Amino acid sequence: MLKIKIFDEESEKSLEEKINKLIIDLDSQDKEIKDIKYQANCSIQNDEQVYIYSALVMYDDKLIEEYKPKIYELVEKVN
């Protein structure tokens, strides 16, 4: 099942640290990140510029299945 995690931070460094922590956590659980969307916004609040950095991380909640090639057995040899 596809799930999302939304981050909203006031600094790029803080956003980067939180996303990297999520990547490590998901990797240790054998879950796969599908996509990351990033956005930066600037607004004025009380005559001061305010920057907001946000990201949406989409990941698959199912465990990654390791690829295992099928092994075929020779049942009967045809002449």
Protein backbone atom coordinates (compact mmCIF):
# COMPACT_ATOMS: atom_id res chain seq x y z
CA MET A 1 0.00 0.00 0.00
CA LEU A 2 1.32 3.42 -0.96
CA LYS A 3 1.78 5.80 1.98
CA ILE A 4 2.98 9.38 2.34
CA LYS A 5 4.96 11.39 4.86
CA ILE A 6 4.86 15.21 4.76
CA PHE A 7 7.66 17.40 6.09
CA ASP A 8 7.42 21.16 6.71
CA GLU A 9 10.53 22.94 7.98
CA GLU A 10 11.93 26.46 8.30
CA SER A 11 15.41 25.50 7.08
CA GLU A 12 16.67 23.38 4.21
CA LYS A 13 19.17 21.66 6.52
CA SER A 14 16.45 20.55 8.93
CA LEU A 15 14.32 19.23 6.05
CA GLU A 16 17.29 17.36 4.63
CA GLU A 17 18.09 15.74 8.00
CA LYS A 18 14.51 14.56 8.53
CA ILE A 19 14.21 13.11 5.02
CA ASN A 20 17.57 11.33 5.37
CA LYS A 21 16.43 9.85 8.70
CA LEU A 22 13.22 8.59 7.07
CA ILE A 23 15.21 7.05 4.21
CA ILE A 24 17.43 5.19 6.70
CA ASP A 25 14.41 4.04 8.73
CA LEU A 26 12.52 2.78 5.67
CA ASP A 27 15.61 1.07 4.29
CA SER A 28 16.14 -0.79 7.57
CA GLN A 29 12.53 -2.03 7.28
CA ASP A 30 13.06 -3.09 3.62
CA LYS A 31 10.48 -0.57 2.40
CA GLU A 32 10.87 1.31 -0.87
CA ILE A 33 10.63 5.06 -1.51
CA LYS A 34 8.68 5.70 -4.71
CA ASP A 35 9.04 9.48 -5.07
CA ILE A 36 9.93 12.72 -3.26
CA LYS A 37 8.30 16.05 -4.12
CA TYR A 38 10.05 19.21 -2.89
CA GLN A 39 8.77 22.79 -2.60
CA ALA A 40 10.14 26.07 -1.22
CA ASN A 41 7.88 29.03 -0.43
CA CYS A 42 8.61 32.58 0.61
CA SER A 43 6.11 34.90 2.25
CA ILE A 44 6.10 38.15 4.19
CA GLN A 45 5.01 38.10 7.82
CA ASN A 46 5.24 41.26 9.95
CA ASP A 47 7.52 42.90 7.34
CA GLU A 48 9.88 39.91 7.50
CA GLN A 49 10.56 37.29 4.82
CA VAL A 50 9.67 33.79 5.95
CA TYR A 51 10.85 30.72 4.05
CA ILE A 52 9.13 27.35 4.33
CA TYR A 53 10.67 24.21 2.87
CA SER A 54 8.41 21.21 2.44
CA ALA A 55 8.57 17.74 0.99
CA LEU A 56 6.16 14.92 0.36
CA VAL A 57 7.71 11.45 0.47
CA MET A 58 5.78 8.58 -1.12
CA TYR A 59 6.75 5.08 -0.10
CA ASP A 60 5.45 1.55 -0.43
CA ASP A 61 4.47 0.03 2.91
CA LYS A 62 4.93 -3.51 1.57
CA LEU A 63 8.23 -5.22 2.12
CA ILE A 64 10.49 -5.27 -0.90
CA GLU A 65 10.44 -8.76 -2.33
CA GLU A 66 13.85 -9.95 -3.32
CA TYR A 67 14.01 -11.16 -6.89
CA LYS A 68 14.41 -14.93 -6.99
CA PRO A 69 14.72 -16.56 -10.39
CA LYS A 70 12.53 -19.57 -10.93
CA ILE A 71 14.27 -22.88 -10.96
CA TYR A 72 12.92 -25.31 -13.49
CA GLU A 73 13.34 -29.05 -13.20
CA LEU A 74 13.68 -31.33 -16.18
CA VAL A 75 10.82 -33.78 -15.82
CA GLU A 76 11.07 -35.78 -19.00
CA LYS A 77 13.46 -35.71 -21.90
CA VAL A 78 11.76 -35.94 -25.27
CA ASN A 79 13.74 -37.59 -28.11
